[in-house]
Amino acid sequence: MSSEKEEAREEVLLTAEISKCLRRHCGDGDDMFDFAVESILADVQEDGVPKDVDEALCRWSSTLEDCELKPFDDDDEDEDTSELVVKMYGELIEGIQGAMAEARGDVVEYLSSDQCEMCERVTPLTRHHLYPTSEHDFFKKRNLCQPDRSLHEVAAVCRPCHTAIHGFADERTLGERYNTIESLLEVEQLRKFAHYMSKQKGGMKKRVEARQATHAAMY
């Protein structure tokens, strides 16, 4: 496939993903909705994907405010607006990353339904690499992986929780400081999000079993 066709395919996938996420969180819009989608698309094409939710807020919040697009939850009118914002921007980042991966021909692999280690819902799961693979060389050179652990350890988490994790911090920071489920749940933002997700539809909670301090690699 030529580079022009690849770029065109990526733009189509990005536009669809951004539109889907904004529509899901903010509802259908008019011409200003289309303007917001085009603005975020242009920003991503120019400066790449934000490394976390804070950066996404800095880059996109004024555009969404000008277009009068705000996240809401029809099922919970008392939902904390800050949680809705974190969720929306986290899903935007993850969706954009997924669209770009799809454009490259990469495939996201889902595990069978089981209990998410973050929110404890029973739902289809994804692999979260506790030591992100993109930073393995960095971790090896600095001996940042403890002797009793493996760089290939993963946690099984649902897609929304996975999105929230990567929206919270960049991959190097996650591997250095937040390489266990316990350390992730010590972060107030992620703990609140996991609690929020535990109340959502689409998964049943089951009895929580004691978690081990480390997680065996899943193949």
Protein backbone atom coordinates (compact mmCIF):
# COMPACT_ATOMS: atom_id res chain seq x y z
CA MET A 1 0.00 0.00 0.00
CA SER A 2 1.38 3.43 -0.95
CA SER A 3 2.16 5.96 1.75
CA GLU A 4 -0.66 8.21 0.49
CA LYS A 5 -3.18 5.39 0.78
CA GLU A 6 -1.86 4.51 4.25
CA GLU A 7 -2.24 8.12 5.39
CA ALA A 8 -5.74 8.29 3.94
CA ARG A 9 -6.72 5.05 5.68
CA GLU A 10 -5.34 6.29 8.98
CA GLU A 11 -7.26 9.57 8.64
CA VAL A 12 -10.52 7.72 7.99
CA LEU A 13 -9.98 5.44 11.00
CA LEU A 14 -8.98 8.34 13.27
CA THR A 15 -11.98 10.44 12.21
CA ALA A 16 -14.35 7.54 12.87
CA GLU A 17 -12.84 6.80 16.28
CA ILE A 18 -12.82 10.43 17.44
CA SER A 19 -16.42 10.90 16.26
CA LYS A 20 -17.56 7.70 17.98
CA CYS A 21 -15.96 8.63 21.29
CA LEU A 22 -17.28 12.20 21.33
CA ARG A 23 -20.76 11.07 20.30
CA ARG A 24 -20.80 8.42 23.02
CA HIS A 25 -19.79 10.88 25.75
CA CYS A 26 -21.24 14.18 24.52
CA GLY A 27 -24.13 13.21 22.28
CA ASP A 28 -24.78 14.08 18.64
CA GLY A 29 -23.76 17.51 17.54
CA ASP A 30 -24.25 19.94 14.68
CA ASP A 31 -21.59 21.63 12.57
CA MET A 32 -19.62 22.44 15.72
CA PHE A 33 -19.38 18.72 16.45
CA ASP A 34 -17.73 18.15 13.07
CA PHE A 35 -15.42 21.08 13.74
CA ALA A 36 -14.34 19.55 17.05
CA VAL A 37 -13.59 16.21 15.37
CA GLU A 38 -11.59 17.90 12.61
CA SER A 39 -9.67 20.00 15.15
CA ILE A 40 -8.66 17.01 17.27
CA LEU A 41 -7.72 15.07 14.14
CA ALA A 42 -5.52 17.92 12.90
CA ASP A 43 -3.88 18.23 16.31
CA VAL A 44 -3.05 14.50 16.42
CA GLN A 45 -1.67 14.59 12.89
CA GLU A 46 0.49 17.58 13.82
CA ASP A 47 1.68 16.74 17.33
CA GLY A 48 0.94 13.03 17.80
CA VAL A 49 -1.07 11.30 20.51
CA PRO A 50 -1.08 12.93 23.98
CA LYS A 51 0.94 10.90 26.50
CA ASP A 52 -1.72 11.22 29.19
CA VAL A 53 -5.08 12.73 30.11
CA ASP A 54 -3.54 15.96 31.43
CA GLU A 55 -1.83 16.63 28.11
CA ALA A 56 -5.04 15.80 26.22
CA LEU A 57 -6.93 18.28 28.40
CA CYS A 58 -4.40 21.00 27.67
CA ARG A 59 -4.59 20.38 23.94
CA TRP A 60 -8.28 19.69 23.39
CA SER A 61 -10.39 21.09 26.24
CA SER A 62 -10.67 24.63 24.86
CA THR A 63 -11.84 23.28 21.49
CA LEU A 64 -14.53 21.13 23.11
CA GLU A 65 -15.62 23.99 25.35
CA ASP A 66 -15.89 26.35 22.38
CA CYS A 67 -17.99 23.71 20.60
CA GLU A 68 -20.13 23.29 23.75
CA LEU A 69 -19.35 19.58 23.99
CA LYS A 70 -19.39 18.28 27.56
CA PRO A 71 -19.45 14.66 28.79
CA PHE A 72 -22.63 13.42 30.46
CA ASP A 73 -24.08 10.16 31.75
CA ASP A 74 -27.78 9.50 31.13
CA ASP A 75 -27.74 6.63 33.64
CA ASP A 76 -26.28 8.63 36.52
CA GLU A 77 -27.17 12.31 36.75
CA ASP A 78 -25.15 12.64 39.97
CA GLU A 79 -21.95 11.30 38.37
CA ASP A 80 -18.84 13.33 39.23
CA THR A 81 -18.06 15.47 36.17
CA SER A 82 -14.30 15.07 36.72
CA GLU A 83 -14.62 11.29 36.45
CA LEU A 84 -16.59 11.65 33.22
CA VAL A 85 -13.91 13.95 31.82
CA VAL A 86 -11.09 11.56 32.74
CA LYS A 87 -13.01 8.68 31.20
CA MET A 88 -13.74 10.56 27.97
CA TYR A 89 -10.19 11.80 27.42
CA GLY A 90 -8.73 8.44 28.39
CA GLU A 91 -10.97 6.70 25.85
CA LEU A 92 -10.10 9.28 23.21
CA ILE A 93 -6.40 8.57 23.69
CA GLU A 94 -6.88 4.81 23.67
CA GLY A 95 -9.23 4.95 20.67
CA ILE A 96 -6.78 7.06 18.69
CA GLN A 97 -3.94 4.68 19.57
CA GLY A 98 -6.12 1.77 18.49
CA ALA A 99 -7.04 3.43 15.19
CA MET A 100 -3.39 4.13 14.43
CA ALA A 101 -2.49 0.53 15.28
CA GLU A 102 -5.25 -0.74 13.01
CA ALA A 103 -3.98 1.47 10.22
CA ARG A 104 -0.55 -0.15 10.64
CA GLY A 105 -2.14 -3.60 10.53
CA ASP A 106 -1.69 -4.35 14.25
CA VAL A 107 -4.43 -6.32 16.02
CA VAL A 108 -5.64 -5.82 19.60
CA GLU A 109 -5.97 -9.22 21.27
CA TYR A 110 -8.78 -9.73 23.76
CA LEU A 111 -8.78 -12.43 26.41
CA SER A 112 -11.88 -14.41 27.40
CA SER A 113 -14.24 -12.95 29.99
CA ASP A 114 -13.00 -13.05 33.55
CA GLN A 115 -12.59 -10.66 36.47
CA CYS A 116 -10.85 -7.38 35.76
CA GLU A 117 -8.04 -6.88 38.26
CA MET A 118 -8.88 -3.18 38.56
CA CYS A 119 -12.67 -2.87 38.75
CA GLU A 120 -13.44 -6.56 39.50
CA ARG A 121 -16.17 -6.81 36.85
CA VAL A 122 -16.48 -10.02 34.85
CA THR A 123 -16.01 -8.89 31.24
CA PRO A 124 -13.72 -9.45 28.24
CA LEU A 125 -10.18 -8.52 29.24
CA THR A 126 -7.00 -7.18 27.69
CA ARG A 127 -3.35 -7.67 28.63
CA HIS A 128 -1.75 -4.73 30.40
CA HIS A 129 2.03 -5.09 30.39
CA LEU A 130 3.15 -4.07 33.85
CA TYR A 131 6.54 -3.25 32.33
CA PRO A 132 5.54 -1.71 28.96
CA THR A 133 7.36 -3.47 26.12
CA SER A 134 8.32 -0.17 24.48
CA GLU A 135 10.55 0.59 27.49
CA HIS A 136 12.15 -2.85 28.06
CA ASP A 137 15.59 -1.70 26.90
CA PHE A 138 15.45 1.23 29.33
CA PHE A 139 14.43 -1.02 32.23
CA LYS A 140 17.13 -3.61 31.40
CA LYS A 141 19.96 -1.06 31.18
CA ARG A 142 19.03 0.35 34.59
CA ASN A 143 18.16 -2.96 36.25
CA LEU A 144 14.75 -1.61 37.19
CA CYS A 145 13.05 -5.01 37.22
CA GLN A 146 13.37 -6.75 40.58
CA PRO A 147 15.15 -10.15 40.57
CA ASP A 148 11.99 -12.02 41.58
CA ARG A 149 9.94 -10.47 38.78
CA SER A 150 9.82 -10.61 34.98
CA LEU A 151 9.65 -7.83 32.40
CA HIS A 152 6.95 -9.88 30.70
CA GLU A 153 4.44 -9.83 33.57
CA VAL A 154 0.94 -8.74 32.62
CA ALA A 155 -2.32 -7.94 34.36
CA ALA A 156 -5.75 -8.80 32.96
CA VAL A 157 -7.86 -5.66 32.85
CA CYS A 158 -10.97 -4.53 30.97
CA ARG A 159 -10.68 -2.09 28.09
CA PRO A 160 -11.92 1.00 30.01
CA CYS A 161 -9.54 0.38 32.93
CA HIS A 162 -6.71 -0.25 30.47
CA THR A 163 -7.52 3.08 28.85
CA ALA A 164 -7.52 4.86 32.21
CA ILE A 165 -4.13 3.38 33.14
CA HIS A 166 -2.44 4.61 29.97
CA GLY A 167 -4.27 7.92 30.21
CA PHE A 168 -2.84 8.44 33.69
CA ALA A 169 0.89 8.28 32.90
CA ASP A 170 3.38 7.62 30.13
CA GLU A 171 4.75 4.09 29.65
CA ARG A 172 8.13 4.71 31.27
CA THR A 173 6.51 6.12 34.40
CA LEU A 174 4.06 3.20 34.54
CA GLY A 175 6.92 0.69 34.37
CA GLU A 176 9.10 2.51 36.87
CA ARG A 177 6.56 3.44 39.53
CA TYR A 178 3.27 1.66 38.87
CA ASN A 179 4.19 -1.88 37.87
CA THR A 180 1.71 -3.72 40.09
CA ILE A 181 -2.07 -3.59 40.34
CA GLU A 182 -1.67 -2.59 43.97
CA SER A 183 0.45 0.46 43.10
CA LEU A 184 -1.99 1.45 40.36
CA LEU A 185 -4.92 1.29 42.78
CA GLU A 186 -3.03 3.50 45.22
CA VAL A 187 -3.45 6.34 42.71
CA GLU A 188 -6.62 8.22 43.68
CA GLN A 189 -7.58 8.96 40.06
CA LEU A 190 -7.36 5.29 39.06
CA ARG A 191 -8.95 4.02 42.27
CA LYS A 192 -11.96 6.31 41.73
CA PHE A 193 -12.22 5.25 38.11
CA ALA A 194 -12.10 1.55 39.03
CA HIS A 195 -14.83 2.15 41.62
CA TYR A 196 -16.88 3.98 38.99
CA MET A 197 -16.46 1.11 36.52
CA SER A 198 -17.41 -1.46 39.16
CA LYS A 199 -20.91 0.05 39.17
CA GLN A 200 -21.35 0.06 35.40
CA LYS A 201 -23.41 -2.33 33.33
CA GLY A 202 -21.88 -5.05 31.20
CA GLY A 203 -20.16 -7.17 33.81
CA MET A 204 -20.95 -9.01 37.03
CA LYS A 205 -18.67 -8.84 40.03
CA LYS A 206 -17.66 -12.09 41.65
CA ARG A 207 -16.04 -12.85 44.97
CA VAL A 208 -12.70 -11.13 45.22
CA GLU A 209 -9.86 -13.59 45.75
CA ALA A 210 -6.59 -12.59 47.35
CA ARG A 211 -4.24 -11.15 44.78
CA GLN A 212 -0.61 -12.21 44.64
CA ALA A 213 2.03 -9.50 44.80
CA THR A 214 3.24 -10.40 41.32
CA HIS A 215 1.48 -11.54 38.21
CA ALA A 216 2.58 -14.48 36.09
CA ALA A 217 3.04 -13.78 32.41
CA MET A 218 0.04 -14.84 30.32
CA TYR A 219 0.54 -16.52 26.96
